[in-house]
Amino acid sequence: MDRNSSAVREELLRLREQTEAQAAALDGDLRSLFEASRSSNADDEHDPEGSTIAFERAQLTAVLDAARRRLAELDNALRRVDDGSYGVCERCSRPIPAERLVARPSARTCVACASRR
């Protein structure tokens, strides 16, 4: 692994660690919300004073799902670093511009191919 690959790997691992911590915190929040809703018999669905527990649960679940998807994307990017295919578009096999990789380190396609989805 060359020096550049090593730096990319370190950055991906740092991002993965951050995302994993975020997912763990969100999972804890979601579990707490489930516990709170079990011990409460309030009719939150008709409470005009704020968001419902169901809404909060859906919102937390969506954010947690996004964090888990990001973890999978980062794991995939780490595999590509290891096998030497990181930074190469999976569709056209051209190099992915460095600017795109800085903005989206787990990018699998160049901008042109990403816009052709």
PDB file of N, CA and C in Angstrom:
ATOM      1  N   MET A   1       0.858  -1.178   0.000  1.00  0.00           N
ATOM      2  CA  MET A   1       0.000   0.000   0.000  1.00  0.00           C
ATOM      3  C   MET A   1       0.897   1.233   0.000  1.00  0.00           C
ATOM      4  N   ASP A   2       0.691   2.123  -0.956  1.00  0.00           N
ATOM      5  CA  ASP A   2       1.534   3.309  -1.017  1.00  0.00           C
ATOM      6  C   ASP A   2       1.087   4.337   0.031  1.00  0.00           C
ATOM      7  N   ARG A   3       1.869   5.389   0.138  1.00  0.00           N
ATOM      8  CA  ARG A   3       1.638   6.421   1.156  1.00  0.00           C
ATOM      9  C   ARG A   3       0.278   7.091   0.992  1.00  0.00           C
ATOM     10  N   ASN A   4      -0.114   7.370  -0.247  1.00  0.00           N
ATOM     11  CA  ASN A   4      -1.397   8.007  -0.518  1.00  0.00           C
ATOM     12  C   ASN A   4      -2.546   7.092  -0.104  1.00  0.00           C
ATOM     13  N   SER A   5      -2.449   5.810  -0.429  1.00  0.00           N
ATOM     14  CA  SER A   5      -3.473   4.838  -0.050  1.00  0.00           C
ATOM     15  C   SER A   5      -3.586   4.737   1.458  1.00  0.00           C
ATOM     16  N   SER A   6      -2.459   4.819   2.115  1.00  0.00           N
ATOM     17  CA  SER A   6      -2.442   4.744   3.574  1.00  0.00           C
ATOM     18  C   SER A   6      -3.180   5.947   4.181  1.00  0.00           C
ATOM     19  N   ALA A   7      -2.964   7.126   3.615  1.00  0.00           N
ATOM     20  CA  ALA A   7      -3.644   8.333   4.107  1.00  0.00           C
ATOM     21  C   ALA A   7      -5.152   8.251   3.841  1.00  0.00           C
ATOM     22  N   VAL A   8      -5.512   7.744   2.674  1.00  0.00           N
ATOM     23  CA  VAL A   8      -6.929   7.579   2.333  1.00  0.00           C
ATOM     24  C   VAL A   8      -7.565   6.583   3.296  1.00  0.00           C
ATOM     25  N   ARG A   9      -6.878   5.496   3.543  1.00  0.00           N
ATOM     26  CA  ARG A   9      -7.390   4.462   4.449  1.00  0.00           C
ATOM     27  C   ARG A   9      -7.603   5.040   5.850  1.00  0.00           C
ATOM     28  N   GLU A  10      -6.634   5.802   6.328  1.00  0.00           N
ATOM     29  CA  GLU A  10      -6.751   6.421   7.655  1.00  0.00           C
ATOM     30  C   GLU A  10      -7.965   7.344   7.726  1.00  0.00           C
ATOM     31  N   GLU A  11      -8.174   8.136   6.687  1.00  0.00           N
ATOM     32  CA  GLU A  11      -9.316   9.057   6.665  1.00  0.00           C
ATOM     33  C   GLU A  11     -10.634   8.278   6.623  1.00  0.00           C
ATOM     34  N   LEU A  12     -10.687   7.231   5.826  1.00  0.00           N
ATOM     35  CA  LEU A  12     -11.906   6.413   5.763  1.00  0.00           C
ATOM     36  C   LEU A  12     -12.175   5.746   7.112  1.00  0.00           C
ATOM     37  N   LEU A  13     -11.137   5.287   7.777  1.00  0.00           N
ATOM     38  CA  LEU A  13     -11.308   4.680   9.100  1.00  0.00           C
ATOM     39  C   LEU A  13     -11.791   5.705  10.120  1.00  0.00           C
ATOM     40  N   ARG A  14     -11.268   6.928  10.025  1.00  0.00           N
ATOM     41  CA  ARG A  14     -11.721   8.000  10.921  1.00  0.00           C
ATOM     42  C   ARG A  14     -13.204   8.294  10.699  1.00  0.00           C
ATOM     43  N   LEU A  15     -13.594   8.409   9.430  1.00  0.00           N
ATOM     44  CA  LEU A  15     -15.001   8.657   9.110  1.00  0.00           C
ATOM     45  C   LEU A  15     -15.880   7.493   9.559  1.00  0.00           C
ATOM     46  N   ARG A  16     -15.381   6.284   9.406  1.00  0.00           N
ATOM     47  CA  ARG A  16     -16.142   5.098   9.818  1.00  0.00           C
ATOM     48  C   ARG A  16     -16.352   5.102  11.331  1.00  0.00           C
ATOM     49  N   GLU A  17     -15.293   5.440  12.061  1.00  0.00           N
ATOM     50  CA  GLU A  17     -15.394   5.493  13.530  1.00  0.00           C
ATOM     51  C   GLU A  17     -16.425   6.531  13.967  1.00  0.00           C
ATOM     52  N   GLN A  18     -16.388   7.694  13.345  1.00  0.00           N
ATOM     53  CA  GLN A  18     -17.372   8.751  13.629  1.00  0.00           C
ATOM     54  C   GLN A  18     -18.788   8.269  13.341  1.00  0.00           C
ATOM     55  N   THR A  19     -18.967   7.657  12.195  1.00  0.00           N
ATOM     56  CA  THR A  19     -20.296   7.193  11.779  1.00  0.00           C
ATOM     57  C   THR A  19     -20.778   6.069  12.681  1.00  0.00           C
ATOM     58  N   GLU A  20     -19.869   5.191  13.078  1.00  0.00           N
ATOM     59  CA  GLU A  20     -20.237   4.098  13.975  1.00  0.00           C
ATOM     60  C   GLU A  20     -20.686   4.642  15.328  1.00  0.00           C
ATOM     61  N   ALA A  21     -19.991   5.662  15.835  1.00  0.00           N
ATOM     62  CA  ALA A  21     -20.383   6.292  17.103  1.00  0.00           C
ATOM     63  C   ALA A  21     -21.747   6.960  16.972  1.00  0.00           C
ATOM     64  N   GLN A  22     -21.974   7.620  15.843  1.00  0.00           N
ATOM     65  CA  GLN A  22     -23.263   8.257  15.597  1.00  0.00           C
ATOM     66  C   GLN A  22     -24.376   7.214  15.553  1.00  0.00           C
ATOM     67  N   ALA A  23     -24.143   6.108  14.867  1.00  0.00           N
ATOM     68  CA  ALA A  23     -25.148   5.044  14.768  1.00  0.00           C
ATOM     69  C   ALA A  23     -25.438   4.451  16.142  1.00  0.00           C
ATOM     70  N   ALA A  24     -24.401   4.260  16.955  1.00  0.00           N
ATOM     71  CA  ALA A  24     -24.597   3.712  18.301  1.00  0.00           C
ATOM     72  C   ALA A  24     -25.424   4.672  19.156  1.00  0.00           C
ATOM     73  N   ALA A  25     -25.144   5.960  19.057  1.00  0.00           N
ATOM     74  CA  ALA A  25     -25.906   6.952  19.818  1.00  0.00           C
ATOM     75  C   ALA A  25     -27.363   6.988  19.363  1.00  0.00           C
ATOM     76  N   LEU A  26     -27.576   6.952  18.063  1.00  0.00           N
ATOM     77  CA  LEU A  26     -28.943   6.947  17.531  1.00  0.00           C
ATOM     78  C   LEU A  26     -29.692   5.694  17.949  1.00  0.00           C
ATOM     79  N   ASP A  27     -29.001   4.563  17.928  1.00  0.00           N
ATOM     80  CA  ASP A  27     -29.619   3.314  18.352  1.00  0.00           C
ATOM     81  C   ASP A  27     -30.020   3.404  19.824  1.00  0.00           C
ATOM     82  N   GLY A  28     -29.168   3.988  20.644  1.00  0.00           N
ATOM     83  CA  GLY A  28     -29.488   4.185  22.056  1.00  0.00           C
ATOM     84  C   GLY A  28     -30.686   5.101  22.237  1.00  0.00           C
ATOM     85  N   ASP A  29     -30.728   6.178  21.464  1.00  0.00           N
ATOM     86  CA  ASP A  29     -31.866   7.105  21.526  1.00  0.00           C
ATOM     87  C   ASP A  29     -33.159   6.399  21.129  1.00  0.00           C
ATOM     88  N   LEU A  30     -33.083   5.582  20.095  1.00  0.00           N
ATOM     89  CA  LEU A  30     -34.263   4.869  19.626  1.00  0.00           C
ATOM     90  C   LEU A  30     -34.744   3.873  20.680  1.00  0.00           C
ATOM     91  N   ARG A  31     -33.817   3.165  21.292  1.00  0.00           N
ATOM     92  CA  ARG A  31     -34.179   2.219  22.362  1.00  0.00           C
ATOM     93  C   ARG A  31     -34.827   2.956  23.535  1.00  0.00           C
ATOM     94  N   SER A  32     -34.274   4.108  23.888  1.00  0.00           N
ATOM     95  CA  SER A  32     -34.843   4.911  24.978  1.00  0.00           C
ATOM     96  C   SER A  32     -36.255   5.372  24.634  1.00  0.00           C
ATOM     97  N   LEU A  33     -36.453   5.752  23.398  1.00  0.00           N
ATOM     98  CA  LEU A  33     -37.778   6.194  22.961  1.00  0.00           C
ATOM     99  C   LEU A  33     -38.781   5.042  23.031  1.00  0.00           C
ATOM    100  N   PHE A  34     -38.350   3.850  22.621  1.00  0.00           N
ATOM    101  CA  PHE A  34     -39.226   2.676  22.718  1.00  0.00           C
ATOM    102  C   PHE A  34     -39.596   2.402  24.180  1.00  0.00           C
ATOM    103  N   GLU A  35     -38.602   2.471  25.054  1.00  0.00           N
ATOM    104  CA  GLU A  35     -38.857   2.244  26.481  1.00  0.00           C
ATOM    105  C   GLU A  35     -39.820   3.287  27.039  1.00  0.00           C
ATOM    106  N   ALA A  36     -39.595   4.537  26.681  1.00  0.00           N
ATOM    107  CA  ALA A  36     -40.461   5.613  27.173  1.00  0.00           C
ATOM    108  C   ALA A  36     -41.887   5.447  26.675  1.00  0.00           C
ATOM    109  N   SER A  37     -42.046   5.019  25.446  1.00  0.00           N
ATOM    110  CA  SER A  37     -43.390   4.874  24.895  1.00  0.00           C
ATOM    111  C   SER A  37     -44.110   3.666  25.502  1.00  0.00           C
ATOM    112  N   ARG A  38     -43.349   2.656  25.925  1.00  0.00           N
ATOM    113  CA  ARG A  38     -43.965   1.494  26.568  1.00  0.00           C
ATOM    114  C   ARG A  38     -44.516   1.839  27.937  1.00  0.00           C
ATOM    115  N   SER A  39     -43.807   2.713  28.657  1.00  0.00           N
ATOM    116  CA  SER A  39     -44.232   3.040  30.015  1.00  0.00           C
ATOM    117  C   SER A  39     -45.234   4.188  30.056  1.00  0.00           C
ATOM    118  N   SER A  40     -45.528   4.759  28.922  1.00  0.00           N
ATOM    119  CA  SER A  40     -46.481   5.870  28.859  1.00  0.00           C
ATOM    120  C   SER A  40     -47.751   5.420  28.146  1.00  0.00           C
ATOM    121  N   ASN A  41     -48.878   5.811  28.709  1.00  0.00           N
ATOM    122  CA  ASN A  41     -50.128   5.492  28.039  1.00  0.00           C
ATOM    123  C   ASN A  41     -50.820   6.766  27.541  1.00  0.00           C
ATOM    124  N   ALA A  42     -50.022   7.793  27.333  1.00  0.00           N
ATOM    125  CA  ALA A  42     -50.562   9.058  26.819  1.00  0.00           C
ATOM    126  C   ALA A  42     -50.970   8.889  25.360  1.00  0.00           C
ATOM    127  N   ASP A  43     -51.958   9.623  24.971  1.00  0.00           N
ATOM    128  CA  ASP A  43     -52.436   9.583  23.591  1.00  0.00           C
ATOM    129  C   ASP A  43     -51.652  10.612  22.790  1.00  0.00           C
ATOM    130  N   ASP A  44     -50.423  10.273  22.453  1.00  0.00           N
ATOM    131  CA  ASP A  44     -49.564  11.236  21.762  1.00  0.00           C
ATOM    132  C   ASP A  44     -50.002  11.489  20.330  1.00  0.00           C
ATOM    133  N   GLU A  45     -50.770  10.614  19.768  1.00  0.00           N
ATOM    134  CA  GLU A  45     -51.214  10.786  18.387  1.00  0.00           C
ATOM    135  C   GLU A  45     -52.162  11.973  18.222  1.00  0.00           C
ATOM    136  N   HIS A  46     -52.777  12.398  19.300  1.00  0.00           N
ATOM    137  CA  HIS A  46     -53.735  13.492  19.216  1.00  0.00           C
ATOM    138  C   HIS A  46     -53.327  14.690  20.069  1.00  0.00           C
ATOM    139  N   ASP A  47     -52.069  14.739  20.457  1.00  0.00           N
ATOM    140  CA  ASP A  47     -51.561  15.828  21.284  1.00  0.00           C
ATOM    141  C   ASP A  47     -51.155  16.993  20.385  1.00  0.00           C
ATOM    142  N   PRO A  48     -51.847  18.131  20.490  1.00  0.00           N
ATOM    143  CA  PRO A  48     -51.527  19.272  19.629  1.00  0.00           C
ATOM    144  C   PRO A  48     -50.271  20.028  20.061  1.00  0.00           C
ATOM    145  N   GLU A  49     -49.673  19.618  21.167  1.00  0.00           N
ATOM    146  CA  GLU A  49     -48.545  20.352  21.724  1.00  0.00           C
ATOM    147  C   GLU A  49     -47.185  19.974  21.142  1.00  0.00           C
ATOM    148  N   GLY A  50     -47.118  19.043  20.254  1.00  0.00           N
ATOM    149  CA  GLY A  50     -45.799  18.701  19.727  1.00  0.00           C
ATOM    150  C   GLY A  50     -45.832  17.474  18.848  1.00  0.00           C
ATOM    151  N   SER A  51     -44.638  17.029  18.538  1.00  0.00           N
ATOM    152  CA  SER A  51     -44.538  15.879  17.653  1.00  0.00           C
ATOM    153  C   SER A  51     -44.925  14.612  18.403  1.00  0.00           C
ATOM    154  N   THR A  52     -45.372  13.658  17.688  1.00  0.00           N
ATOM    155  CA  THR A  52     -45.797  12.405  18.287  1.00  0.00           C
ATOM    156  C   THR A  52     -44.608  11.483  18.474  1.00  0.00           C
ATOM    157  N   ILE A  53     -44.773  10.527  19.349  1.00  0.00           N
ATOM    158  CA  ILE A  53     -43.727   9.537  19.549  1.00  0.00           C
ATOM    159  C   ILE A  53     -43.503   8.767  18.246  1.00  0.00           C
ATOM    160  N   ALA A  54     -44.585   8.490  17.543  1.00  0.00           N
ATOM    161  CA  ALA A  54     -44.458   7.779  16.260  1.00  0.00           C
ATOM    162  C   ALA A  54     -43.618   8.583  15.275  1.00  0.00           C
ATOM    163  N   PHE A  55     -43.816   9.897  15.233  1.00  0.00           N
ATOM    164  CA  PHE A  55     -43.030  10.753  14.338  1.00  0.00           C
ATOM    165  C   PHE A  55     -41.566  10.728  14.752  1.00  0.00           C
ATOM    166  N   GLU A  56     -41.302  10.871  16.055  1.00  0.00           N
ATOM    167  CA  GLU A  56     -39.921  10.857  16.539  1.00  0.00           C
ATOM    168  C   GLU A  56     -39.252   9.520  16.232  1.00  0.00           C
ATOM    169  N   ARG A  57     -39.997   8.438  16.416  1.00  0.00           N
ATOM    170  CA  ARG A  57     -39.470   7.103  16.135  1.00  0.00           C
ATOM    171  C   ARG A  57     -39.127   6.968  14.651  1.00  0.00           C
ATOM    172  N   ALA A  58     -40.017   7.429  13.793  1.00  0.00           N
ATOM    173  CA  ALA A  58     -39.781   7.353  12.344  1.00  0.00           C
ATOM    174  C   ALA A  58     -38.572   8.199  11.951  1.00  0.00           C
ATOM    175  N   GLN A  59     -38.473   9.361  12.548  1.00  0.00           N
ATOM    176  CA  GLN A  59     -37.355  10.252  12.236  1.00  0.00           C
ATOM    177  C   GLN A  59     -36.025   9.630  12.689  1.00  0.00           C
ATOM    178  N   LEU A  60     -35.990   9.129  13.920  1.00  0.00           N
ATOM    179  CA  LEU A  60     -34.770   8.490  14.417  1.00  0.00           C
ATOM    180  C   LEU A  60     -34.404   7.260  13.596  1.00  0.00           C
ATOM    181  N   THR A  61     -35.404   6.482  13.233  1.00  0.00           N
ATOM    182  CA  THR A  61     -35.161   5.276  12.438  1.00  0.00           C
ATOM    183  C   THR A  61     -34.562   5.636  11.081  1.00  0.00           C
ATOM    184  N   ALA A  62     -35.074   6.688  10.455  1.00  0.00           N
ATOM    185  CA  ALA A  62     -34.559   7.109   9.154  1.00  0.00           C
ATOM    186  C   ALA A  62     -33.109   7.573   9.253  1.00  0.00           C
ATOM    187  N   VAL A  63     -32.788   8.338  10.287  1.00  0.00           N
ATOM    188  CA  VAL A  63     -31.419   8.825  10.451  1.00  0.00           C
ATOM    189  C   VAL A  63     -30.480   7.661  10.776  1.00  0.00           C
ATOM    190  N   LEU A  64     -30.944   6.721  11.603  1.00  0.00           N
ATOM    191  CA  LEU A  64     -30.142   5.543  11.923  1.00  0.00           C
ATOM    192  C   LEU A  64     -29.903   4.696  10.677  1.00  0.00           C
ATOM    193  N   ASP A  65     -30.928   4.500   9.864  1.00  0.00           N
ATOM    194  CA  ASP A  65     -30.765   3.750   8.613  1.00  0.00           C
ATOM    195  C   ASP A  65     -29.736   4.418   7.704  1.00  0.00           C
ATOM    196  N   ALA A  66     -29.773   5.749   7.628  1.00  0.00           N
ATOM    197  CA  ALA A  66     -28.804   6.476   6.796  1.00  0.00           C
ATOM    198  C   ALA A  66     -27.385   6.282   7.337  1.00  0.00           C
ATOM    199  N   ALA A  67     -27.217   6.289   8.651  1.00  0.00           N
ATOM    200  CA  ALA A  67     -25.896   6.083   9.245  1.00  0.00           C
ATOM    201  C   ALA A  67     -25.401   4.664   8.946  1.00  0.00           C
ATOM    202  N   ARG A  68     -26.291   3.698   9.011  1.00  0.00           N
ATOM    203  CA  ARG A  68     -25.899   2.314   8.702  1.00  0.00           C
ATOM    204  C   ARG A  68     -25.524   2.155   7.236  1.00  0.00           C
ATOM    205  N   ARG A  69     -26.245   2.843   6.347  1.00  0.00           N
ATOM    206  CA  ARG A  69     -25.891   2.803   4.915  1.00  0.00           C
ATOM    207  C   ARG A  69     -24.517   3.432   4.706  1.00  0.00           C
ATOM    208  N   ARG A  70     -24.259   4.527   5.404  1.00  0.00           N
ATOM    209  CA  ARG A  70     -22.959   5.195   5.279  1.00  0.00           C
ATOM    210  C   ARG A  70     -21.839   4.268   5.765  1.00  0.00           C
ATOM    211  N   LEU A  71     -22.090   3.538   6.849  1.00  0.00           N
ATOM    212  CA  LEU A  71     -21.096   2.570   7.326  1.00  0.00           C
ATOM    213  C   LEU A  71     -20.783   1.542   6.244  1.00  0.00           C
ATOM    214  N   ALA A  72     -21.825   1.029   5.615  1.00  0.00           N
ATOM    215  CA  ALA A  72     -21.634   0.045   4.540  1.00  0.00           C
ATOM    216  C   ALA A  72     -20.852   0.660   3.379  1.00  0.00           C
ATOM    217  N   GLU A  73     -21.156   1.904   3.033  1.00  0.00           N
ATOM    218  CA  GLU A  73     -20.433   2.584   1.946  1.00  0.00           C
ATOM    219  C   GLU A  73     -18.963   2.760   2.305  1.00  0.00           C
ATOM    220  N   LEU A  74     -18.689   3.118   3.558  1.00  0.00           N
ATOM    221  CA  LEU A  74     -17.309   3.306   3.996  1.00  0.00           C
ATOM    222  C   LEU A  74     -16.564   1.966   4.016  1.00  0.00           C
ATOM    223  N   ASP A  75     -17.235   0.899   4.449  1.00  0.00           N
ATOM    224  CA  ASP A  75     -16.619  -0.428   4.412  1.00  0.00           C
ATOM    225  C   ASP A  75     -16.279  -0.826   2.980  1.00  0.00           C
ATOM    226  N   ASN A  76     -17.183  -0.522   2.065  1.00  0.00           N
ATOM    227  CA  ASN A  76     -16.953  -0.815   0.649  1.00  0.00           C
ATOM    228  C   ASN A  76     -15.752  -0.013   0.140  1.00  0.00           C
ATOM    229  N   ALA A  77     -15.671   1.252   0.526  1.00  0.00           N
ATOM    230  CA  ALA A  77     -14.546   2.092   0.104  1.00  0.00           C
ATOM    231  C   ALA A  77     -13.228   1.546   0.658  1.00  0.00           C
ATOM    232  N   LEU A  78     -13.238   1.075   1.910  1.00  0.00           N
ATOM    233  CA  LEU A  78     -12.027   0.487   2.490  1.00  0.00           C
ATOM    234  C   LEU A  78     -11.596  -0.767   1.721  1.00  0.00           C
ATOM    235  N   ARG A  79     -12.561  -1.578   1.304  1.00  0.00           N
ATOM    236  CA  ARG A  79     -12.225  -2.759   0.491  1.00  0.00           C
ATOM    237  C   ARG A  79     -11.596  -2.332  -0.833  1.00  0.00           C
ATOM    238  N   ARG A  80     -12.122  -1.247  -1.431  1.00  0.00           N
ATOM    239  CA  ARG A  80     -11.571  -0.773  -2.699  1.00  0.00           C
ATOM    240  C   ARG A  80     -10.154  -0.240  -2.518  1.00  0.00           C
ATOM    241  N   VAL A  81      -9.886   0.415  -1.372  1.00  0.00           N
ATOM    242  CA  VAL A  81      -8.515   0.867  -1.100  1.00  0.00           C
ATOM    243  C   VAL A  81      -7.602  -0.355  -1.044  1.00  0.00           C
ATOM    244  N   ASP A  82      -8.051  -1.384  -0.328  1.00  0.00           N
ATOM    245  CA  ASP A  82      -7.231  -2.594  -0.166  1.00  0.00           C
ATOM    246  C   ASP A  82      -6.976  -3.321  -1.478  1.00  0.00           C
ATOM    247  N   ASP A  83      -7.975  -3.340  -2.371  1.00  0.00           N
ATOM    248  CA  ASP A  83      -7.767  -4.077  -3.629  1.00  0.00           C
ATOM    249  C   ASP A  83      -7.255  -3.188  -4.775  1.00  0.00           C
ATOM    250  N   GLY A  84      -7.033  -1.911  -4.471  1.00  0.00           N
ATOM    251  CA  GLY A  84      -6.452  -1.010  -5.460  1.00  0.00           C
ATOM    252  C   GLY A  84      -7.436  -0.358  -6.414  1.00  0.00           C
ATOM    253  N   SER A  85      -8.729  -0.556  -6.207  1.00  0.00           N
ATOM    254  CA  SER A  85      -9.714   0.023  -7.134  1.00  0.00           C
ATOM    255  C   SER A  85     -10.342   1.319  -6.617  1.00  0.00           C
ATOM    256  N   TYR A  86      -9.894   1.796  -5.456  1.00  0.00           N
ATOM    257  CA  TYR A  86     -10.436   3.054  -4.919  1.00  0.00           C
ATOM    258  C   TYR A  86     -10.061   4.207  -5.851  1.00  0.00           C
ATOM    259  N   GLY A  87     -11.023   5.075  -6.096  1.00  0.00           N
ATOM    260  CA  GLY A  87     -10.767   6.231  -6.951  1.00  0.00           C
ATOM    261  C   GLY A  87     -10.965   5.958  -8.425  1.00  0.00           C
ATOM    262  N   VAL A  88     -11.441   4.759  -8.765  1.00  0.00           N
ATOM    263  CA  VAL A  88     -11.712   4.388 -10.153  1.00  0.00           C
ATOM    264  C   VAL A  88     -13.218   4.176 -10.285  1.00  0.00           C
ATOM    265  N   CYS A  89     -13.824   4.824 -11.263  1.00  0.00           N
ATOM    266  CA  CYS A  89     -15.266   4.724 -11.479  1.00  0.00           C
ATOM    267  C   CYS A  89     -15.661   3.287 -11.793  1.00  0.00           C
ATOM    268  N   GLU A  90     -16.672   2.796 -11.094  1.00  0.00           N
ATOM    269  CA  GLU A  90     -17.135   1.421 -11.315  1.00  0.00           C
ATOM    270  C   GLU A  90     -17.846   1.243 -12.646  1.00  0.00           C
ATOM    271  N   ARG A  91     -18.268   2.324 -13.277  1.00  0.00           N
ATOM    272  CA  ARG A  91     -18.992   2.213 -14.552  1.00  0.00           C
ATOM    273  C   ARG A  91     -18.091   2.411 -15.764  1.00  0.00           C
ATOM    274  N   CYS A  92     -17.322   3.487 -15.759  1.00  0.00           N
ATOM    275  CA  CYS A  92     -16.528   3.802 -16.954  1.00  0.00           C
ATOM    276  C   CYS A  92     -15.039   3.505 -16.786  1.00  0.00           C
ATOM    277  N   SER A  93     -14.626   3.137 -15.587  1.00  0.00           N
ATOM    278  CA  SER A  93     -13.231   2.792 -15.264  1.00  0.00           C
ATOM    279  C   SER A  93     -12.258   3.967 -15.366  1.00  0.00           C
ATOM    280  N   ARG A  94     -12.793   5.179 -15.431  1.00  0.00           N
ATOM    281  CA  ARG A  94     -11.923   6.366 -15.429  1.00  0.00           C
ATOM    282  C   ARG A  94     -11.678   6.788 -13.986  1.00  0.00           C
ATOM    283  N   PRO A  95     -10.619   7.561 -13.759  1.00  0.00           N
ATOM    284  CA  PRO A  95     -10.357   8.040 -12.399  1.00  0.00           C
ATOM    285  C   PRO A  95     -11.477   8.972 -11.913  1.00  0.00           C
ATOM    286  N   ILE A  96     -11.823   8.837 -10.646  1.00  0.00           N
ATOM    287  CA  ILE A  96     -12.784   9.748 -10.018  1.00  0.00           C
ATOM    288  C   ILE A  96     -11.981  10.968  -9.587  1.00  0.00           C
ATOM    289  N   PRO A  97     -12.409  12.177  -9.967  1.00  0.00           N
ATOM    290  CA  PRO A  97     -11.649  13.373  -9.595  1.00  0.00           C
ATOM    291  C   PRO A  97     -11.453  13.480  -8.076  1.00  0.00           C
ATOM    292  N   ALA A  98     -10.269  13.951  -7.696  1.00  0.00           N
ATOM    293  CA  ALA A  98      -9.925  14.088  -6.279  1.00  0.00           C
ATOM    294  C   ALA A  98     -10.946  14.948  -5.527  1.00  0.00           C
ATOM    295  N   GLU A  99     -11.451  15.981  -6.198  1.00  0.00           N
ATOM    296  CA  GLU A  99     -12.429  16.874  -5.555  1.00  0.00           C
ATOM    297  C   GLU A  99     -13.680  16.103  -5.141  1.00  0.00           C
ATOM    298  N   ARG A 100     -14.106  15.182  -6.004  1.00  0.00           N
ATOM    299  CA  ARG A 100     -15.291  14.372  -5.684  1.00  0.00           C
ATOM    300  C   ARG A 100     -14.994  13.457  -4.500  1.00  0.00           C
ATOM    301  N   LEU A 101     -13.817  12.879  -4.471  1.00  0.00           N
ATOM    302  CA  LEU A 101     -13.463  11.986  -3.371  1.00  0.00           C
ATOM    303  C   LEU A 101     -13.306  12.741  -2.051  1.00  0.00           C
ATOM    304  N   VAL A 102     -12.892  13.989  -2.123  1.00  0.00           N
ATOM    305  CA  VAL A 102     -12.820  14.802  -0.907  1.00  0.00           C
ATOM    306  C   VAL A 102     -14.234  15.085  -0.400  1.00  0.00           C
ATOM    307  N   ALA A 103     -15.129  15.432  -1.322  1.00  0.00           N
ATOM    308  CA  ALA A 103     -16.513  15.748  -0.940  1.00  0.00           C
ATOM    309  C   ALA A 103     -17.292  14.497  -0.546  1.00  0.00           C
ATOM    310  N   ARG A 104     -16.999  13.401  -1.208  1.00  0.00           N
ATOM    311  CA  ARG A 104     -17.724  12.134  -0.962  1.00  0.00           C
ATOM    312  C   ARG A 104     -16.705  10.988  -1.004  1.00  0.00           C
ATOM    313  N   PRO A 105     -16.035  10.750   0.120  1.00  0.00           N
ATOM    314  CA  PRO A 105     -14.951   9.766   0.150  1.00  0.00           C
ATOM    315  C   PRO A 105     -15.352   8.349  -0.241  1.00  0.00           C
ATOM    316  N   SER A 106     -16.622   8.020  -0.127  1.00  0.00           N
ATOM    317  CA  SER A 106     -17.044   6.667  -0.477  1.00  0.00           C
ATOM    318  C   SER A 106     -17.595   6.576  -1.898  1.00  0.00           C
ATOM    319  N   ALA A 107     -17.382   7.630  -2.708  1.00  0.00           N
ATOM    320  CA  ALA A 107     -17.896   7.646  -4.087  1.00  0.00           C
ATOM    321  C   ALA A 107     -17.383   6.449  -4.868  1.00  0.00           C
ATOM    322  N   ARG A 108     -18.297   5.827  -5.608  1.00  0.00           N
ATOM    323  CA  ARG A 108     -17.951   4.665  -6.437  1.00  0.00           C
ATOM    324  C   ARG A 108     -17.944   5.006  -7.919  1.00  0.00           C
ATOM    325  N   THR A 109     -18.480   6.189  -8.256  1.00  0.00           N
ATOM    326  CA  THR A 109     -18.567   6.587  -9.663  1.00  0.00           C
ATOM    327  C   THR A 109     -18.109   8.032  -9.810  1.00  0.00           C
ATOM    328  N   CYS A 110     -17.716   8.361 -11.023  1.00  0.00           N
ATOM    329  CA  CYS A 110     -17.392   9.745 -11.344  1.00  0.00           C
ATOM    330  C   CYS A 110     -18.709  10.533 -11.417  1.00  0.00           C
ATOM    331  N   VAL A 111     -18.611  11.834 -11.501  1.00  0.00           N
ATOM    332  CA  VAL A 111     -19.806  12.683 -11.533  1.00  0.00           C
ATOM    333  C   VAL A 111     -20.659  12.378 -12.762  1.00  0.00           C
ATOM    334  N   ALA A 112     -20.003  12.226 -13.912  1.00  0.00           N
ATOM    335  CA  ALA A 112     -20.749  11.968 -15.161  1.00  0.00           C
ATOM    336  C   ALA A 112     -21.575  10.685 -15.048  1.00  0.00           C
ATOM    337  N   CYS A 113     -20.963   9.625 -14.530  1.00  0.00           N
ATOM    338  CA  CYS A 113     -21.690   8.352 -14.405  1.00  0.00           C
ATOM    339  C   CYS A 113     -22.747   8.421 -13.310  1.00  0.00           C
ATOM    340  N   ALA A 114     -22.476   9.145 -12.251  1.00  0.00           N
ATOM    341  CA  ALA A 114     -23.452   9.285 -11.157  1.00  0.00           C
ATOM    342  C   ALA A 114     -24.705  10.024 -11.628  1.00  0.00           C
ATOM    343  N   SER A 115     -24.523  10.966 -12.537  1.00  0.00           N
ATOM    344  CA  SER A 115     -25.678  11.741 -13.010  1.00  0.00           C
ATOM    345  C   SER A 115     -26.503  10.970 -14.049  1.00  0.00           C
ATOM    346  N   ARG A 116     -25.967   9.866 -14.575  1.00  0.00           N
ATOM    347  CA  ARG A 116     -26.674   9.052 -15.567  1.00  0.00           C
ATOM    348  C   ARG A 116     -27.502   7.922 -14.957  1.00  0.00           C
ATOM    349  N   ARG A 117     -27.634   7.892 -13.692  1.00  0.00           N
ATOM    350  CA  ARG A 117     -28.371   6.820 -12.999  1.00  0.00           C
ATOM    351  C   ARG A 117     -29.673   6.636 -13.606  1.00  0.00           C
TER     352      ARG A 117
END
